[in-house]
C-alpha atoms as a PDB file:
ATOM      1  CA  UNK A   1      65.986-128.027  63.650  1.00  0.00           C
ATOM      2  CA  UNK A   2      63.874-130.540  62.027  1.00  0.00           C
ATOM      3  CA  UNK A   3      60.834-129.757  59.787  1.00  0.00           C
ATOM      4  CA  UNK A   4      58.689-131.959  61.899  1.00  0.00           C
ATOM      5  CA  UNK A   5      59.263-130.109  65.263  1.00  0.00           C
ATOM      6  CA  UNK A   6      56.582-127.843  66.423  1.00  0.00           C
ATOM      7  CA  UNK A   7      55.789-125.128  69.131  1.00  0.00           C
ATOM      8  CA  UNK A   8      53.107-126.396  71.425  1.00  0.00           C
ATOM      9  CA  UNK A   9      51.035-123.934  73.200  1.00  0.00           C
ATOM     10  CA  UNK A  10      48.434-124.202  75.756  1.00  0.00           C
ATOM     11  CA  UNK A  11      45.224-122.184  75.734  1.00  0.00           C
ATOM     12  CA  UNK A  12      42.691-121.528  78.120  1.00  0.00           C
ATOM     13  CA  UNK A  13      41.217-118.140  77.583  1.00  0.00           C
ATOM     14  CA  UNK A  14      43.343-116.275  80.169  1.00  0.00           C
ATOM     15  CA  UNK A  15      45.531-113.404  79.468  1.00  0.00           C
ATOM     16  CA  UNK A  16      48.657-115.620  80.406  1.00  0.00           C
ATOM     17  CA  UNK A  17      47.612-118.186  77.632  1.00  0.00           C
ATOM     18  CA  UNK A  18      47.162-115.105  75.363  1.00  0.00           C
ATOM     19  CA  UNK A  19      50.724-113.760  75.890  1.00  0.00           C
ATOM     20  CA  UNK A  20      51.773-117.552  75.715  1.00  0.00           C
ATOM     21  CA  UNK A  21      50.568-117.602  72.045  1.00  0.00           C
ATOM     22  CA  UNK A  22      51.992-114.526  71.045  1.00  0.00           C
ATOM     23  CA  UNK A  23      55.420-115.829  72.333  1.00  0.00           C
ATOM     24  CA  UNK A  24      54.754-119.119  70.514  1.00  0.00           C
ATOM     25  CA  UNK A  25      53.908-117.541  67.135  1.00  0.00           C
ATOM     26  CA  UNK A  26      57.326-115.638  67.555  1.00  0.00           C
ATOM     27  CA  UNK A  27      59.129-118.458  68.458  1.00  0.00           C
ATOM     28  CA  UNK A  28      57.590-120.603  65.686  1.00  0.00           C
ATOM     29  CA  UNK A  29      58.426-117.811  63.117  1.00  0.00           C
ATOM     30  CA  UNK A  30      62.016-117.507  64.222  1.00  0.00           C
ATOM     31  CA  UNK A  31      62.448-121.441  64.274  1.00  0.00           C
ATOM     32  CA  UNK A  32      60.360-121.878  61.088  1.00  0.00           C
ATOM     33  CA  UNK A  33      58.510-124.382  62.710  1.00  0.00           C
ATOM     34  CA  UNK A  34      54.453-125.071  62.865  1.00  0.00           C
ATOM     35  CA  UNK A  35      52.485-124.192  65.832  1.00  0.00           C
ATOM     36  CA  UNK A  36      49.934-126.330  67.638  1.00  0.00           C
ATOM     37  CA  UNK A  37      47.714-124.436  69.882  1.00  0.00           C
ATOM     38  CA  UNK A  38      45.929-127.004  72.476  1.00  0.00           C
ATOM     39  CA  UNK A  39      43.028-126.208  74.721  1.00  0.00           C
ATOM     40  CA  UNK A  40      41.827-129.174  77.221  1.00  0.00           C
ATOM     41  CA  UNK A  41      38.464-129.536  78.363  1.00  0.00           C
ATOM     42  CA  UNK A  42      36.534-131.825  80.651  1.00  0.00           C
ATOM     43  CA  UNK A  43      34.199-134.032  78.840  1.00  0.00           C
ATOM     44  CA  UNK A  44      30.424-133.923  79.628  1.00  0.00           C
ATOM     45  CA  UNK A  45      29.455-136.371  82.229  1.00  0.00           C
ATOM     46  CA  UNK A  46      26.531-138.175  80.814  1.00  0.00           C
ATOM     47  CA  UNK A  47      25.688-140.070  84.071  1.00  0.00           C
ATOM     48  CA  UNK A  48      25.296-136.842  85.939  1.00  0.00           C
ATOM     49  CA  UNK A  49      23.136-135.166  83.118  1.00  0.00           C
ATOM     50  CA  UNK A  50      21.015-138.350  83.227  1.00  0.00           C
ATOM     51  CA  UNK A  51      19.844-137.441  87.067  1.00  0.00           C
ATOM     52  CA  UNK A  52      19.016-133.852  85.957  1.00  0.00           C
ATOM     53  CA  UNK A  53      15.530-133.047  85.543  1.00  0.00           C
ATOM     54  CA  UNK A  54      16.210-130.623  82.634  1.00  0.00           C
ATOM     55  CA  UNK A  55      17.831-133.363  80.391  1.00  0.00           C
ATOM     56  CA  UNK A  56      18.402-131.990  76.920  1.00  0.00           C
ATOM     57  CA  UNK A  57      17.834-134.336  73.812  1.00  0.00           C
ATOM     58  CA  UNK A  58      21.545-134.157  73.072  1.00  0.00           C
ATOM     59  CA  UNK A  59      24.021-133.082  75.365  1.00  0.00           C
ATOM     60  CA  UNK A  60      26.534-129.885  73.923  1.00  0.00           C
ATOM     61  CA  UNK A  61      29.991-131.045  72.881  1.00  0.00           C
ATOM     62  CA  UNK A  62      32.386-129.689  75.239  1.00  0.00           C
ATOM     63  CA  UNK A  63      35.211-130.331  72.801  1.00  0.00           C
ATOM     64  CA  UNK A  64      33.742-128.556  70.085  1.00  0.00           C
ATOM     65  CA  UNK A  65      33.075-125.381  72.278  1.00  0.00           C
ATOM     66  CA  UNK A  66      36.542-125.210  73.808  1.00  0.00           C
ATOM     67  CA  UNK A  67      38.247-125.736  70.349  1.00  0.00           C
ATOM     68  CA  UNK A  68      36.085-123.150  68.796  1.00  0.00           C
ATOM     69  CA  UNK A  69      36.710-120.580  71.204  1.00  0.00           C
ATOM     70  CA  UNK A  70      40.497-121.493  70.976  1.00  0.00           C
ATOM     71  CA  UNK A  71      40.322-120.940  67.141  1.00  0.00           C
ATOM     72  CA  UNK A  72      38.754-117.477  67.762  1.00  0.00           C
ATOM     73  CA  UNK A  73      41.819-116.672  70.144  1.00  0.00           C
ATOM     74  CA  UNK A  74      44.279-117.782  67.557  1.00  0.00           C
ATOM     75  CA  UNK A  75      42.680-115.721  64.893  1.00  0.00           C
ATOM     76  CA  UNK A  76      42.568-112.485  67.165  1.00  0.00           C
ATOM     77  CA  UNK A  77      46.296-112.969  68.245  1.00  0.00           C
ATOM     78  CA  UNK A  78      47.467-113.642  64.573  1.00  0.00           C
ATOM     79  CA  UNK A  79      45.679-110.408  63.498  1.00  0.00           C
ATOM     80  CA  UNK A  80      47.097-108.396  66.241  1.00  0.00           C
ATOM     81  CA  UNK A  81      50.707-109.545  65.356  1.00  0.00           C
ATOM     82  CA  UNK A  82      50.054-108.869  61.722  1.00  0.00           C
ATOM     83  CA  UNK A  83      48.695-105.523  62.366  1.00  0.00           C
ATOM     84  CA  UNK A  84      52.073-104.700  64.731  1.00  0.00           C
ATOM     85  CA  UNK A  85      54.137-106.172  61.988  1.00  0.00           C
ATOM     86  CA  UNK A  86      55.476-108.840  64.239  1.00  0.00           C
ATOM     87  CA  UNK A  87      56.512-112.035  62.619  1.00  0.00           C
ATOM     88  CA  UNK A  88      54.068-115.023  61.891  1.00  0.00           C
ATOM     89  CA  UNK A  89      55.103-118.824  61.353  1.00  0.00           C
ATOM     90  CA  UNK A  90      54.970-119.473  57.659  1.00  0.00           C
ATOM     91  CA  UNK A  91      53.335-122.962  58.450  1.00  0.00           C
ATOM     92  CA  UNK A  92      49.626-123.289  59.353  1.00  0.00           C
ATOM     93  CA  UNK A  93      48.434-122.963  62.973  1.00  0.00           C
ATOM     94  CA  UNK A  94      46.818-126.364  64.267  1.00  0.00           C
ATOM     95  CA  UNK A  95      44.060-126.013  66.854  1.00  0.00           C
ATOM     96  CA  UNK A  96      43.229-129.040  69.050  1.00  0.00           C
ATOM     97  CA  UNK A  97      40.770-129.551  71.656  1.00  0.00           C
ATOM     98  CA  UNK A  98      41.758-132.592  73.915  1.00  0.00           C
ATOM     99  CA  UNK A  99      39.838-134.066  76.782  1.00  0.00           C
ATOM    100  CA  UNK A 100      41.767-134.326  79.876  1.00  0.00           C
ATOM    101  CA  UNK A 101      43.610-132.501  82.728  1.00  0.00           C
ATOM    102  CA  UNK A 102      45.569-129.338  81.189  1.00  0.00           C
ATOM    103  CA  UNK A 103      49.048-130.595  82.334  1.00  0.00           C
ATOM    104  CA  UNK A 104      48.774-133.996  81.182  1.00  0.00           C
ATOM    105  CA  UNK A 105      47.395-132.880  77.839  1.00  0.00           C
ATOM    106  CA  UNK A 106      49.938-130.425  77.214  1.00  0.00           C
ATOM    107  CA  UNK A 107      52.691-132.759  78.142  1.00  0.00           C
ATOM    108  CA  UNK A 108      51.560-135.418  75.943  1.00  0.00           C
ATOM    109  CA  UNK A 109      51.022-132.979  72.849  1.00  0.00           C
ATOM    110  CA  UNK A 110      54.550-131.672  73.428  1.00  0.00           C
ATOM    111  CA  UNK A 111      56.239-135.104  73.393  1.00  0.00           C
ATOM    112  CA  UNK A 112      59.084-135.090  70.608  1.00  0.00           C
ATOM    113  CA  UNK A 113      58.256-131.317  69.787  1.00  0.00           C
ATOM    114  CA  UNK A 114      60.498-128.372  69.690  1.00  0.00           C
ATOM    115  CA  UNK A 115      59.093-126.515  72.515  1.00  0.00           C
ATOM    116  CA  UNK A 116      56.102-126.172  74.976  1.00  0.00           C
ATOM    117  CA  UNK A 117      54.776-122.683  75.727  1.00  0.00           C
ATOM    118  CA  UNK A 118      52.404-122.245  78.622  1.00  0.00           C
ATOM    119  CA  UNK A 119      51.056-119.159  80.422  1.00  0.00           C
ATOM    120  CA  UNK A 120      52.511-117.921  83.611  1.00  0.00           C
ATOM    121  CA  UNK A 121      48.802-118.104  85.434  1.00  0.00           C
ATOM    122  CA  UNK A 122      45.717-119.026  83.747  1.00  0.00           C
ATOM    123  CA  UNK A 123      42.361-119.770  85.072  1.00  0.00           C
ATOM    124  CA  UNK A 124      42.127-121.093  88.651  1.00  0.00           C
ATOM    125  CA  UNK A 125      45.459-119.840  89.782  1.00  0.00           C
ATOM    126  CA  UNK A 126      45.713-118.672  93.235  1.00  0.00           C
ATOM    127  CA  UNK A 127      46.841-115.463  94.713  1.00  0.00           C
ATOM    128  CA  UNK A 128      50.482-115.588  96.323  1.00  0.00           C
ATOM    129  CA  UNK A 129      51.773-118.364  94.082  1.00  0.00           C
ATOM    130  CA  UNK A 130      54.768-117.827  91.833  1.00  0.00           C
ATOM    131  CA  UNK A 131      53.017-119.781  89.007  1.00  0.00           C
ATOM    132  CA  UNK A 132      50.014-121.637  88.536  1.00  0.00           C
ATOM    133  CA  UNK A 133      49.825-125.712  88.998  1.00  0.00           C
ATOM    134  CA  UNK A 134      49.480-126.485  85.004  1.00  0.00           C
ATOM    135  CA  UNK A 135      52.870-124.552  84.326  1.00  0.00           C
ATOM    136  CA  UNK A 136      54.398-126.458  87.184  1.00  0.00           C
ATOM    137  CA  UNK A 137      53.231-129.675  85.936  1.00  0.00           C
ATOM    138  CA  UNK A 138      54.553-128.990  82.494  1.00  0.00           C
ATOM    139  CA  UNK A 139      57.984-127.656  83.687  1.00  0.00           C
ATOM    140  CA  UNK A 140      58.287-130.996  85.748  1.00  0.00           C
ATOM    141  CA  UNK A 141      57.084-133.451  83.268  1.00  0.00           C
ATOM    142  CA  UNK A 142      57.646-132.169  79.667  1.00  0.00           C
ATOM    143  CA  UNK A 143      60.375-134.085  77.875  1.00  0.00           C
ATOM    144  CA  UNK A 144      61.192-130.951  75.851  1.00  0.00           C
ATOM    145  CA  UNK A 145      61.907-127.295  76.909  1.00  0.00           C
ATOM    146  CA  UNK A 146      59.283-125.235  78.494  1.00  0.00           C
ATOM    147  CA  UNK A 147      58.714-121.612  78.356  1.00  0.00           C
ATOM    148  CA  UNK A 148      56.487-120.006  81.048  1.00  0.00           C
ATOM    149  CA  UNK A 149      55.250-116.561  79.866  1.00  0.00           C
ATOM    150  CA  UNK A 150      53.722-113.910  81.784  1.00  0.00           C
ATOM    151  CA  UNK A 151      50.560-112.024  80.901  1.00  0.00           C
ATOM    152  CA  UNK A 152      51.172-108.987  78.887  1.00  0.00           C
ATOM    153  CA  UNK A 153      50.953-105.828  80.952  1.00  0.00           C
ATOM    154  CA  UNK A 154      49.988-102.544  79.644  1.00  0.00           C
ATOM    155  CA  UNK A 155      52.613 -99.758  79.965  1.00  0.00           C
ATOM    156  CA  UNK A 156      52.788 -97.826  83.075  1.00  0.00           C
END
């Protein structure tokens, strides 16, 4: 495996994404690959904000907030894995916030990489579906292997 390849993982704050991150970190450690944790966000709609009565002087940066939350999740999961003695990648973990629809963002981020890991069901998943639309979009369109990881459940 090339040193340039990475394991890309999608984050959205859901339990499925958290499980996907655990899996991605283990895969990256096994493969001696880097990890790129990617969170997509919708950019602020400035035209709509102009029409609101409570227009703030400066609109909050949706990307910075999403990226900061993703970094916090990565730090928590790395600490959990370290405390449990589970393997961690040797290379630094990159966290990116990218504007756009989640499946598009993840497929683009995984182009040419070793593996794309996504959660089984994230935000917005409907009851009764086998998996969510983001995971399906990634499986159908990614040009690298894709692993769909179910959310971790506590022992019965």
